[in-house]
N, C-alpha and C. Protein backbone atom coordinates (compact mmCIF):
# COMPACT_ATOMS: atom_id res chain seq x y z
N MET A 1 98.72 39.30 51.19
CA MET A 1 99.17 39.87 49.93
C MET A 1 100.57 39.35 49.60
N ARG A 2 100.77 38.88 48.33
CA ARG A 2 102.06 38.38 47.84
C ARG A 2 102.55 37.17 48.64
N ASN A 3 101.65 36.24 48.93
CA ASN A 3 102.02 35.03 49.66
C ASN A 3 101.90 33.80 48.77
N ASP A 4 102.64 32.73 49.11
CA ASP A 4 102.44 31.40 48.54
C ASP A 4 101.58 30.62 49.52
N VAL A 5 100.43 30.15 49.06
CA VAL A 5 99.49 29.47 49.94
C VAL A 5 99.26 28.05 49.42
N HIS A 6 99.69 27.05 50.19
CA HIS A 6 99.55 25.64 49.83
C HIS A 6 98.50 25.01 50.74
N SER A 7 97.64 24.16 50.18
CA SER A 7 96.65 23.49 51.03
C SER A 7 96.18 22.20 50.39
N THR A 8 95.85 21.24 51.27
CA THR A 8 95.24 19.99 50.81
C THR A 8 93.72 20.07 50.86
N TRP A 9 93.19 21.16 51.45
CA TRP A 9 91.75 21.25 51.69
C TRP A 9 91.14 22.54 51.16
N ALA A 10 91.69 23.70 51.59
CA ALA A 10 91.15 24.98 51.13
C ALA A 10 92.23 26.05 51.30
N ASN A 11 92.62 26.69 50.20
CA ASN A 11 93.61 27.75 50.29
C ASN A 11 93.06 28.98 51.02
N VAL A 12 91.79 29.27 50.78
CA VAL A 12 91.13 30.39 51.46
C VAL A 12 89.85 29.86 52.10
N LEU A 13 89.75 30.03 53.41
CA LEU A 13 88.58 29.57 54.15
C LEU A 13 87.82 30.78 54.67
N LEU A 14 86.56 30.90 54.27
CA LEU A 14 85.72 32.03 54.66
C LEU A 14 84.50 31.53 55.42
N GLY A 15 84.12 32.24 56.48
CA GLY A 15 82.92 31.87 57.21
C GLY A 15 83.02 30.50 57.84
N ASP A 16 83.92 30.35 58.84
CA ASP A 16 84.12 29.04 59.46
C ASP A 16 83.59 29.03 60.88
N GLU A 17 83.93 28.01 61.64
CA GLU A 17 83.39 27.85 62.99
C GLU A 17 83.91 28.91 63.95
N TYR A 18 84.97 29.63 63.57
CA TYR A 18 85.50 30.69 64.44
C TYR A 18 84.78 32.02 64.24
N GLY A 19 84.04 32.15 63.16
CA GLY A 19 83.33 33.41 62.94
C GLY A 19 83.14 33.71 61.47
N HIS A 20 82.53 34.86 61.22
CA HIS A 20 82.21 35.23 59.84
C HIS A 20 83.37 35.97 59.19
N ALA A 21 83.25 36.19 57.88
CA ALA A 21 84.21 36.97 57.11
C ALA A 21 83.41 38.01 56.34
N GLY A 22 82.89 38.97 57.08
CA GLY A 22 81.98 39.94 56.47
C GLY A 22 82.61 41.25 56.06
N GLY A 23 83.92 41.39 56.22
CA GLY A 23 84.55 42.68 55.94
C GLY A 23 85.22 42.79 54.59
N TYR A 24 84.95 41.88 53.68
CA TYR A 24 85.57 41.84 52.36
C TYR A 24 87.10 41.92 52.46
N PRO A 25 87.74 40.91 53.09
CA PRO A 25 89.21 40.86 53.10
C PRO A 25 89.74 40.81 51.67
N LYS A 26 90.91 41.43 51.48
CA LYS A 26 91.48 41.56 50.14
C LYS A 26 92.64 40.59 49.95
N PHE A 27 92.60 39.84 48.84
CA PHE A 27 93.64 38.88 48.49
C PHE A 27 94.28 39.33 47.19
N ILE A 28 95.52 39.81 47.26
CA ILE A 28 96.18 40.44 46.11
C ILE A 28 97.50 39.76 45.81
N GLY A 29 97.68 39.35 44.57
CA GLY A 29 98.96 38.88 44.10
C GLY A 29 99.50 37.64 44.78
N ASN A 30 98.63 36.81 45.30
CA ASN A 30 99.07 35.57 45.94
C ASN A 30 99.19 34.44 44.91
N THR A 31 99.91 33.39 45.28
CA THR A 31 99.95 32.17 44.48
C THR A 31 99.32 31.05 45.29
N PHE A 32 98.21 30.52 44.79
CA PHE A 32 97.50 29.44 45.47
C PHE A 32 97.87 28.11 44.81
N ARG A 33 98.27 27.13 45.63
CA ARG A 33 98.66 25.82 45.11
C ARG A 33 97.91 24.72 45.86
N ARG A 34 97.50 23.72 45.12
CA ARG A 34 96.86 22.56 45.73
C ARG A 34 97.89 21.50 46.06
N GLU A 35 97.73 20.88 47.23
CA GLU A 35 98.56 19.76 47.62
C GLU A 35 97.67 18.51 47.75
N GLY A 36 98.16 17.37 47.29
CA GLY A 36 97.41 16.13 47.43
C GLY A 36 96.25 16.02 46.46
N ASP A 37 95.38 15.04 46.71
CA ASP A 37 94.27 14.78 45.80
C ASP A 37 92.95 14.56 46.53
N ASP A 38 92.78 15.22 47.66
CA ASP A 38 91.54 15.11 48.42
C ASP A 38 90.38 15.61 47.56
N PRO A 39 89.36 14.77 47.30
CA PRO A 39 88.23 15.20 46.46
C PRO A 39 87.41 16.32 47.10
N ALA A 40 87.57 16.54 48.40
CA ALA A 40 86.84 17.61 49.09
C ALA A 40 87.54 18.96 48.96
N TYR A 41 88.71 18.96 48.33
CA TYR A 41 89.49 20.20 48.20
C TYR A 41 88.71 21.28 47.44
N ARG A 42 88.77 22.52 47.96
CA ARG A 42 88.28 23.70 47.26
C ARG A 42 89.33 24.80 47.39
N THR A 43 89.54 25.54 46.31
CA THR A 43 90.51 26.64 46.39
C THR A 43 89.98 27.72 47.33
N ILE A 44 88.71 28.07 47.20
CA ILE A 44 88.06 29.03 48.09
C ILE A 44 86.81 28.36 48.64
N PHE A 45 86.67 28.34 49.95
CA PHE A 45 85.61 27.54 50.57
C PHE A 45 84.93 28.30 51.71
N GLN A 46 83.61 28.32 51.66
CA GLN A 46 82.81 28.83 52.78
C GLN A 46 82.35 27.63 53.60
N GLU A 47 82.84 27.53 54.82
CA GLU A 47 82.55 26.34 55.63
C GLU A 47 81.14 26.36 56.19
N ARG A 48 80.69 27.51 56.64
CA ARG A 48 79.36 27.61 57.25
C ARG A 48 78.46 28.55 56.45
N GLY A 49 77.21 28.16 56.32
CA GLY A 49 76.24 29.02 55.67
C GLY A 49 75.54 29.92 56.67
N ARG A 50 74.79 30.88 56.13
CA ARG A 50 73.99 31.80 56.92
C ARG A 50 74.81 32.73 57.81
N ILE A 51 76.10 32.86 57.49
CA ILE A 51 76.92 33.92 58.08
C ILE A 51 77.70 34.57 56.94
N PRO A 52 78.03 35.85 57.06
CA PRO A 52 78.75 36.51 55.96
C PRO A 52 80.08 35.83 55.66
N ALA A 53 80.34 35.61 54.38
CA ALA A 53 81.60 35.03 53.91
C ALA A 53 81.98 35.76 52.63
N THR A 54 82.80 36.78 52.76
CA THR A 54 83.10 37.66 51.63
C THR A 54 84.60 37.71 51.36
N GLY A 55 84.95 38.20 50.19
CA GLY A 55 86.35 38.36 49.85
C GLY A 55 86.50 39.07 48.51
N VAL A 56 87.65 39.72 48.34
CA VAL A 56 87.98 40.39 47.09
C VAL A 56 89.31 39.83 46.60
N PHE A 57 89.36 39.40 45.34
CA PHE A 57 90.54 38.74 44.80
C PHE A 57 91.02 39.49 43.55
N MET A 58 92.34 39.78 43.49
CA MET A 58 92.89 40.49 42.33
C MET A 58 94.31 40.00 42.05
N ASP A 59 94.58 39.69 40.79
CA ASP A 59 95.92 39.37 40.30
C ASP A 59 96.57 38.19 41.04
N ASN A 60 95.78 37.21 41.42
CA ASN A 60 96.32 36.01 42.04
C ASN A 60 96.66 34.96 40.99
N LYS A 61 97.58 34.06 41.31
CA LYS A 61 97.92 32.94 40.45
C LYS A 61 97.40 31.65 41.06
N TYR A 62 97.01 30.73 40.21
CA TYR A 62 96.45 29.46 40.67
C TYR A 62 97.23 28.33 39.99
N GLU A 63 97.89 27.48 40.79
CA GLU A 63 98.78 26.47 40.24
C GLU A 63 98.54 25.10 40.88
N ASP A 64 99.02 24.06 40.19
CA ASP A 64 99.00 22.69 40.70
C ASP A 64 97.59 22.21 41.08
N GLY A 65 96.61 22.63 40.32
CA GLY A 65 95.24 22.19 40.57
C GLY A 65 94.37 23.19 41.28
N ALA A 66 94.96 24.24 41.85
CA ALA A 66 94.14 25.33 42.38
C ALA A 66 93.52 26.08 41.22
N SER A 67 92.33 26.65 41.43
CA SER A 67 91.63 27.29 40.33
C SER A 67 90.64 28.33 40.84
N PRO A 68 90.50 29.47 40.14
CA PRO A 68 89.50 30.45 40.53
C PRO A 68 88.07 29.97 40.26
N GLU A 69 87.94 28.85 39.56
CA GLU A 69 86.62 28.26 39.34
C GLU A 69 86.27 27.25 40.44
N ASN A 70 87.27 26.84 41.21
CA ASN A 70 87.04 25.84 42.26
C ASN A 70 86.64 26.55 43.55
N ILE A 71 85.42 27.02 43.58
CA ILE A 71 84.89 27.80 44.70
C ILE A 71 83.59 27.17 45.17
N GLU A 72 83.44 27.06 46.48
CA GLU A 72 82.17 26.60 47.04
C GLU A 72 81.68 27.62 48.07
N LEU A 73 80.55 28.23 47.74
CA LEU A 73 79.94 29.21 48.64
C LEU A 73 78.56 28.75 49.05
N LYS A 74 78.16 29.21 50.22
CA LYS A 74 76.83 28.91 50.74
C LYS A 74 76.07 30.21 50.90
N GLU A 75 74.94 30.14 51.59
CA GLU A 75 74.13 31.33 51.81
C GLU A 75 74.96 32.42 52.47
N MET A 76 74.82 33.66 51.97
CA MET A 76 75.53 34.85 52.43
C MET A 76 77.00 34.88 52.03
N GLY A 77 77.39 33.97 51.13
CA GLY A 77 78.74 34.02 50.57
C GLY A 77 78.77 34.93 49.36
N ARG A 78 79.80 35.77 49.25
CA ARG A 78 79.91 36.69 48.11
C ARG A 78 81.38 37.05 47.89
N ILE A 79 81.86 36.77 46.69
CA ILE A 79 83.25 37.04 46.34
C ILE A 79 83.28 37.98 45.13
N VAL A 80 84.15 38.98 45.19
CA VAL A 80 84.31 39.94 44.10
C VAL A 80 85.67 39.69 43.45
N MET A 81 85.66 39.35 42.17
CA MET A 81 86.89 39.15 41.41
C MET A 81 87.19 40.44 40.64
N GLN A 82 88.39 41.01 40.88
CA GLN A 82 88.74 42.27 40.24
C GLN A 82 90.03 42.13 39.42
N ARG A 83 90.29 43.16 38.62
CA ARG A 83 91.48 43.14 37.78
C ARG A 83 92.07 44.55 37.68
N PHE A 84 93.39 44.63 37.73
CA PHE A 84 94.11 45.89 37.56
C PHE A 84 94.21 46.18 36.07
N VAL A 85 93.71 47.32 35.65
CA VAL A 85 93.66 47.67 34.23
C VAL A 85 94.40 48.99 34.01
N THR A 86 95.20 49.04 32.95
CA THR A 86 95.92 50.26 32.58
C THR A 86 95.29 50.85 31.32
N VAL A 87 94.95 52.13 31.39
CA VAL A 87 94.42 52.87 30.24
C VAL A 87 95.51 53.82 29.75
N ARG A 88 95.84 53.74 28.47
CA ARG A 88 96.88 54.60 27.90
C ARG A 88 96.26 55.49 26.83
N VAL A 89 96.49 56.79 26.96
CA VAL A 89 95.95 57.75 25.99
C VAL A 89 97.10 58.31 25.17
N VAL A 90 96.98 58.20 23.84
CA VAL A 90 98.06 58.64 22.96
C VAL A 90 97.49 59.52 21.85
N ASP A 91 98.39 60.24 21.17
CA ASP A 91 97.97 61.03 20.01
C ASP A 91 98.06 60.17 18.75
N GLY A 92 97.81 60.77 17.60
CA GLY A 92 97.79 60.04 16.34
C GLY A 92 99.12 59.42 15.98
N GLU A 93 100.20 59.90 16.58
CA GLU A 93 101.53 59.36 16.31
C GLU A 93 101.96 58.35 17.37
N GLY A 94 101.06 58.06 18.30
CA GLY A 94 101.38 57.08 19.33
C GLY A 94 102.10 57.64 20.54
N LYS A 95 102.21 58.96 20.65
CA LYS A 95 102.90 59.56 21.79
C LYS A 95 101.92 59.74 22.95
N PRO A 96 102.35 59.42 24.17
CA PRO A 96 101.44 59.55 25.32
C PRO A 96 101.01 60.98 25.56
N LEU A 97 99.75 61.14 25.93
CA LEU A 97 99.19 62.47 26.17
C LEU A 97 98.92 62.67 27.66
N GLY A 98 99.53 63.68 28.22
CA GLY A 98 99.20 64.08 29.58
C GLY A 98 98.02 65.02 29.57
N ASP A 99 97.40 65.20 30.74
CA ASP A 99 96.28 66.13 30.92
C ASP A 99 95.04 65.74 30.11
N ALA A 100 94.89 64.43 29.83
CA ALA A 100 93.67 63.95 29.19
C ALA A 100 92.73 63.44 30.28
N ARG A 101 91.47 63.82 30.19
CA ARG A 101 90.49 63.41 31.19
C ARG A 101 89.92 62.04 30.80
N VAL A 102 89.99 61.08 31.72
CA VAL A 102 89.55 59.72 31.45
C VAL A 102 88.39 59.37 32.37
N VAL A 103 87.33 58.83 31.78
CA VAL A 103 86.18 58.36 32.54
C VAL A 103 85.93 56.89 32.19
N VAL A 104 85.83 56.05 33.21
CA VAL A 104 85.53 54.63 33.01
C VAL A 104 84.12 54.39 33.54
N SER A 105 83.25 53.84 32.69
CA SER A 105 81.85 53.58 33.07
C SER A 105 81.56 52.09 32.97
N ASP A 106 80.69 51.60 33.87
CA ASP A 106 80.36 50.18 33.86
C ASP A 106 79.33 49.87 32.77
N ALA A 107 78.90 48.62 32.69
CA ALA A 107 78.01 48.18 31.62
C ALA A 107 76.67 48.91 31.66
N GLY A 108 76.31 49.44 32.82
CA GLY A 108 75.06 50.20 32.94
C GLY A 108 75.22 51.68 32.69
N GLY A 109 76.44 52.11 32.37
CA GLY A 109 76.69 53.51 32.08
C GLY A 109 77.07 54.35 33.29
N LYS A 110 77.23 53.73 34.45
CA LYS A 110 77.59 54.47 35.66
C LYS A 110 79.10 54.68 35.73
N PRO A 111 79.55 55.93 35.90
CA PRO A 111 80.99 56.17 36.04
C PRO A 111 81.54 55.51 37.30
N VAL A 112 82.63 54.76 37.15
CA VAL A 112 83.23 54.09 38.30
C VAL A 112 84.65 54.57 38.57
N HIS A 113 85.22 55.36 37.66
CA HIS A 113 86.56 55.88 37.88
C HIS A 113 86.78 57.11 37.00
N LEU A 114 87.34 58.15 37.59
CA LEU A 114 87.68 59.37 36.86
C LEU A 114 89.10 59.76 37.23
N ASP A 115 89.89 60.15 36.23
CA ASP A 115 91.27 60.56 36.50
C ASP A 115 91.77 61.37 35.31
N THR A 116 92.91 62.01 35.50
CA THR A 116 93.57 62.77 34.45
C THR A 116 94.95 62.19 34.23
N THR A 117 95.32 61.93 32.99
CA THR A 117 96.60 61.31 32.71
C THR A 117 97.76 62.24 33.08
N PRO A 118 98.81 61.70 33.68
CA PRO A 118 99.98 62.51 33.99
C PRO A 118 100.87 62.68 32.76
N ALA A 119 101.67 63.74 32.76
CA ALA A 119 102.60 63.96 31.66
C ALA A 119 103.89 63.18 31.85
N ALA A 120 104.16 62.77 33.11
CA ALA A 120 105.37 62.03 33.42
C ALA A 120 105.03 60.84 34.31
N GLU A 121 105.96 59.92 34.42
CA GLU A 121 105.76 58.74 35.26
C GLU A 121 105.46 59.16 36.70
N THR A 122 104.50 58.49 37.31
CA THR A 122 104.10 58.86 38.66
C THR A 122 103.62 57.63 39.42
N LEU A 123 103.40 57.80 40.73
CA LEU A 123 102.90 56.70 41.55
C LEU A 123 101.42 56.89 41.85
N ALA A 124 100.69 55.79 41.82
CA ALA A 124 99.31 55.74 42.30
C ALA A 124 99.29 54.77 43.47
N THR A 125 98.18 54.74 44.20
CA THR A 125 98.07 53.86 45.36
C THR A 125 96.84 52.98 45.22
N ILE A 126 97.04 51.67 45.42
CA ILE A 126 95.92 50.73 45.48
C ILE A 126 95.43 50.69 46.92
N VAL A 127 94.14 50.94 47.12
CA VAL A 127 93.58 50.99 48.46
C VAL A 127 92.35 50.11 48.56
N ALA A 128 92.05 49.67 49.77
CA ALA A 128 90.79 48.98 50.04
C ALA A 128 89.71 50.04 50.21
N ASP A 129 88.62 49.89 49.46
CA ASP A 129 87.54 50.86 49.49
C ASP A 129 86.23 50.09 49.64
N GLY A 130 85.88 49.76 50.89
CA GLY A 130 84.67 48.98 51.13
C GLY A 130 84.81 47.58 50.57
N GLU A 131 83.87 47.19 49.72
CA GLU A 131 83.89 45.83 49.17
C GLU A 131 84.69 45.72 47.89
N ARG A 132 85.56 46.67 47.62
CA ARG A 132 86.35 46.61 46.40
C ARG A 132 87.74 47.19 46.64
N LEU A 133 88.58 47.04 45.64
CA LEU A 133 89.85 47.72 45.59
C LEU A 133 89.74 48.88 44.63
N ALA A 134 90.50 49.94 44.88
CA ALA A 134 90.44 51.12 44.03
C ALA A 134 91.85 51.69 43.88
N VAL A 135 92.03 52.56 42.89
CA VAL A 135 93.30 53.25 42.67
C VAL A 135 93.09 54.73 42.87
N ILE A 136 93.97 55.36 43.67
CA ILE A 136 93.89 56.80 43.88
C ILE A 136 95.22 57.45 43.51
N ARG A 137 95.14 58.68 43.10
CA ARG A 137 96.31 59.52 42.84
C ARG A 137 96.03 60.90 43.40
N PRO A 138 97.05 61.58 43.95
CA PRO A 138 98.45 61.15 44.08
C PRO A 138 98.61 60.03 45.10
N SER A 139 99.77 59.41 45.10
CA SER A 139 100.04 58.31 45.99
C SER A 139 99.87 58.74 47.45
N ASP A 140 99.26 57.85 48.25
CA ASP A 140 99.00 58.17 49.65
C ASP A 140 99.18 56.91 50.49
N SER A 141 100.40 56.68 50.96
CA SER A 141 100.70 55.48 51.73
C SER A 141 100.11 55.53 53.14
N LYS A 142 99.58 56.69 53.54
CA LYS A 142 98.97 56.82 54.87
C LYS A 142 97.46 56.59 54.82
N HIS A 143 96.93 56.34 53.65
CA HIS A 143 95.50 56.05 53.51
C HIS A 143 95.16 54.84 54.37
N ARG A 144 94.05 54.89 55.08
CA ARG A 144 93.72 53.81 56.02
C ARG A 144 93.51 52.46 55.33
N GLY A 145 93.19 52.49 54.02
CA GLY A 145 93.01 51.25 53.28
C GLY A 145 94.20 50.90 52.41
N TYR A 146 95.37 51.49 52.72
CA TYR A 146 96.55 51.31 51.87
C TYR A 146 96.91 49.84 51.67
N CYS A 147 97.14 49.47 50.41
CA CYS A 147 97.63 48.13 50.08
C CYS A 147 99.05 48.20 49.54
N GLU A 148 99.24 48.92 48.43
CA GLU A 148 100.57 49.08 47.85
C GLU A 148 100.51 50.16 46.78
N ASP A 149 101.70 50.61 46.35
CA ASP A 149 101.79 51.60 45.29
C ASP A 149 101.90 50.91 43.93
N ALA A 150 101.51 51.64 42.90
CA ALA A 150 101.62 51.14 41.53
C ALA A 150 102.20 52.25 40.66
N LEU A 151 103.13 51.89 39.79
CA LEU A 151 103.76 52.86 38.91
C LEU A 151 102.88 53.10 37.68
N VAL A 152 102.63 54.37 37.39
CA VAL A 152 101.79 54.76 36.26
C VAL A 152 102.65 55.56 35.29
N GLY A 153 102.65 55.16 34.02
CA GLY A 153 103.47 55.83 33.03
C GLY A 153 102.84 57.10 32.50
N PRO A 154 103.59 57.90 31.73
CA PRO A 154 103.03 59.10 31.13
C PRO A 154 101.86 58.76 30.20
N GLY A 155 100.80 59.54 30.29
CA GLY A 155 99.63 59.30 29.46
C GLY A 155 98.78 58.13 29.93
N GLU A 156 99.05 57.62 31.13
CA GLU A 156 98.32 56.43 31.60
C GLU A 156 97.47 56.71 32.84
N VAL A 157 96.42 55.92 32.95
CA VAL A 157 95.56 55.92 34.13
C VAL A 157 95.42 54.47 34.58
N ALA A 158 95.54 54.22 35.87
CA ALA A 158 95.35 52.88 36.41
C ALA A 158 94.02 52.81 37.12
N VAL A 159 93.34 51.68 36.97
CA VAL A 159 92.03 51.51 37.58
C VAL A 159 91.84 50.03 37.93
N VAL A 160 91.17 49.77 39.04
CA VAL A 160 90.80 48.39 39.40
C VAL A 160 89.32 48.22 39.07
N LEU A 161 89.02 47.21 38.25
CA LEU A 161 87.65 46.99 37.80
C LEU A 161 87.18 45.59 38.21
N THR A 162 85.91 45.49 38.52
CA THR A 162 85.32 44.21 38.88
C THR A 162 85.10 43.37 37.62
N ARG A 163 85.60 42.14 37.66
CA ARG A 163 85.45 41.21 36.54
C ARG A 163 84.17 40.40 36.68
N GLU A 164 83.92 39.90 37.90
CA GLU A 164 82.71 39.14 38.15
C GLU A 164 82.46 39.06 39.65
N VAL A 165 81.22 38.74 39.99
CA VAL A 165 80.83 38.52 41.38
C VAL A 165 80.35 37.08 41.49
N VAL A 166 80.84 36.36 42.50
CA VAL A 166 80.51 34.95 42.69
C VAL A 166 79.70 34.79 43.98
N THR A 167 78.58 34.11 43.89
CA THR A 167 77.76 33.78 45.05
C THR A 167 77.37 32.30 44.95
N ALA A 168 76.59 31.84 45.91
CA ALA A 168 76.12 30.46 45.87
C ALA A 168 75.22 30.22 44.66
N ASP A 169 74.65 31.27 44.11
CA ASP A 169 73.77 31.15 42.95
C ASP A 169 74.54 31.10 41.63
N GLY A 170 75.85 31.32 41.68
CA GLY A 170 76.64 31.27 40.46
C GLY A 170 77.49 32.51 40.26
N ARG A 171 77.92 32.69 39.02
CA ARG A 171 78.82 33.79 38.66
C ARG A 171 78.08 34.83 37.83
N LYS A 172 78.32 36.09 38.17
CA LYS A 172 77.70 37.18 37.42
C LYS A 172 78.80 38.07 36.85
N PRO A 173 79.10 37.92 35.54
CA PRO A 173 80.13 38.77 34.93
C PRO A 173 79.72 40.24 34.96
N ALA A 174 80.71 41.10 35.11
CA ALA A 174 80.43 42.54 35.15
C ALA A 174 80.09 43.09 33.77
N GLY A 175 80.50 42.39 32.72
CA GLY A 175 80.26 42.89 31.37
C GLY A 175 81.35 43.86 30.96
N SER A 176 81.18 44.46 29.80
CA SER A 176 82.19 45.37 29.26
C SER A 176 82.08 46.75 29.87
N TYR A 177 83.23 47.38 30.04
CA TYR A 177 83.30 48.76 30.50
C TYR A 177 83.56 49.69 29.31
N THR A 178 83.12 50.92 29.42
CA THR A 178 83.42 51.94 28.40
C THR A 178 84.44 52.91 28.97
N VAL A 179 85.51 53.11 28.22
CA VAL A 179 86.57 54.02 28.64
C VAL A 179 86.57 55.20 27.67
N SER A 180 86.35 56.40 28.19
CA SER A 180 86.29 57.61 27.37
C SER A 180 87.42 58.55 27.75
N ALA A 181 87.95 59.25 26.76
CA ALA A 181 89.03 60.20 27.02
C ALA A 181 88.83 61.46 26.19
N LYS A 182 89.21 62.59 26.77
CA LYS A 182 89.14 63.85 26.03
C LYS A 182 90.25 64.78 26.50
N LYS A 183 90.66 65.65 25.60
CA LYS A 183 91.71 66.63 25.91
C LYS A 183 91.50 67.83 25.01
N GLU A 184 91.69 68.99 25.56
CA GLU A 184 91.49 70.22 24.77
C GLU A 184 92.39 70.20 23.54
N GLY A 185 91.77 70.50 22.39
CA GLY A 185 92.51 70.51 21.13
C GLY A 185 92.46 69.19 20.38
N TYR A 186 91.80 68.17 21.00
CA TYR A 186 91.69 66.86 20.38
C TYR A 186 90.23 66.41 20.35
N LYS A 187 89.92 65.50 19.43
CA LYS A 187 88.58 64.93 19.39
C LYS A 187 88.45 63.84 20.46
N ALA A 188 87.35 63.86 21.18
CA ALA A 188 87.11 62.86 22.21
C ALA A 188 86.98 61.48 21.57
N ALA A 189 87.33 60.45 22.31
CA ALA A 189 87.23 59.09 21.80
C ALA A 189 86.92 58.14 22.95
N SER A 190 86.42 56.97 22.61
CA SER A 190 86.12 55.98 23.64
C SER A 190 86.33 54.58 23.09
N ARG A 191 86.53 53.63 24.01
CA ARG A 191 86.66 52.22 23.65
C ARG A 191 86.01 51.38 24.73
N THR A 192 85.68 50.17 24.37
CA THR A 192 85.16 49.24 25.36
C THR A 192 86.26 48.25 25.74
N VAL A 193 86.18 47.76 26.98
CA VAL A 193 87.16 46.79 27.45
C VAL A 193 86.43 45.71 28.24
N ASP A 194 86.72 44.47 27.91
CA ASP A 194 86.21 43.32 28.64
C ASP A 194 87.32 42.85 29.57
N VAL A 195 87.21 43.11 30.86
CA VAL A 195 88.30 42.83 31.78
C VAL A 195 88.52 41.33 31.98
N ALA A 196 87.61 40.50 31.48
CA ALA A 196 87.85 39.06 31.52
C ALA A 196 88.88 38.65 30.48
N LYS A 197 89.13 39.54 29.51
CA LYS A 197 90.02 39.20 28.41
C LYS A 197 91.26 40.09 28.31
N ALA A 198 91.21 41.31 28.83
CA ALA A 198 92.32 42.25 28.65
C ALA A 198 92.52 43.09 29.89
N ASP A 199 93.79 43.47 30.12
CA ASP A 199 94.10 44.33 31.25
C ASP A 199 94.75 45.65 30.81
N ARG A 200 94.72 45.90 29.50
CA ARG A 200 95.21 47.16 28.95
C ARG A 200 94.29 47.65 27.85
N VAL A 201 94.14 48.95 27.76
CA VAL A 201 93.35 49.55 26.69
C VAL A 201 94.03 50.83 26.26
N GLU A 202 94.11 51.05 24.97
CA GLU A 202 94.74 52.26 24.43
C GLU A 202 93.70 53.06 23.66
N ILE A 203 93.68 54.36 23.93
CA ILE A 203 92.75 55.27 23.25
C ILE A 203 93.57 56.29 22.48
N VAL A 204 93.24 56.45 21.21
CA VAL A 204 93.93 57.40 20.35
C VAL A 204 93.07 58.65 20.18
N LEU A 205 93.65 59.80 20.51
CA LEU A 205 92.95 61.08 20.32
C LEU A 205 93.57 61.78 19.13
N GLU A 206 92.72 62.07 18.16
CA GLU A 206 93.17 62.76 16.95
C GLU A 206 92.89 64.25 17.07
N LYS A 207 93.69 65.04 16.36
CA LYS A 207 93.49 66.49 16.32
C LYS A 207 92.21 66.83 15.58
């Protein structure tokens, strides 16, 4: 997490001769850079097939020829690309609303995150949760999957959403998510967000 990774061959190597990578290791906020011009270079590379080669990537930078599209996976390779998204709930005048209930649902309508907006700035915690990253509140640095804390503003909810899943068969985009918000005394509202294009969404609740 938060590393500069330079390589002439592969910035991230999964499933190599030393063993498998089946635990969905998390790569957060790193900068991957390519060195040299070796045509065999891959930014993310699964060396051996038929063994688990997994990983979760969020908010990384790719420079000097490194690219999130430069991935080579074999059988049993699976990478989850995620994005940190901020949801802001405001009233008709643009003022942040605390105590608004927010539900984020995936393209199939399944709820993937539920939270209530705080009235004041607060901390949330990014944690490893199986094959994904998730955000929990209140902040809990003792959580066994603890990665780091994230500052959440008044009227805001933070959520980590899957952008796409990459396997040897190709890329499968997660599609658009639906973000719904409601608060007593206000009309409920919802919006869609495509995490491939945006990392913020604002919902306006009218009286």
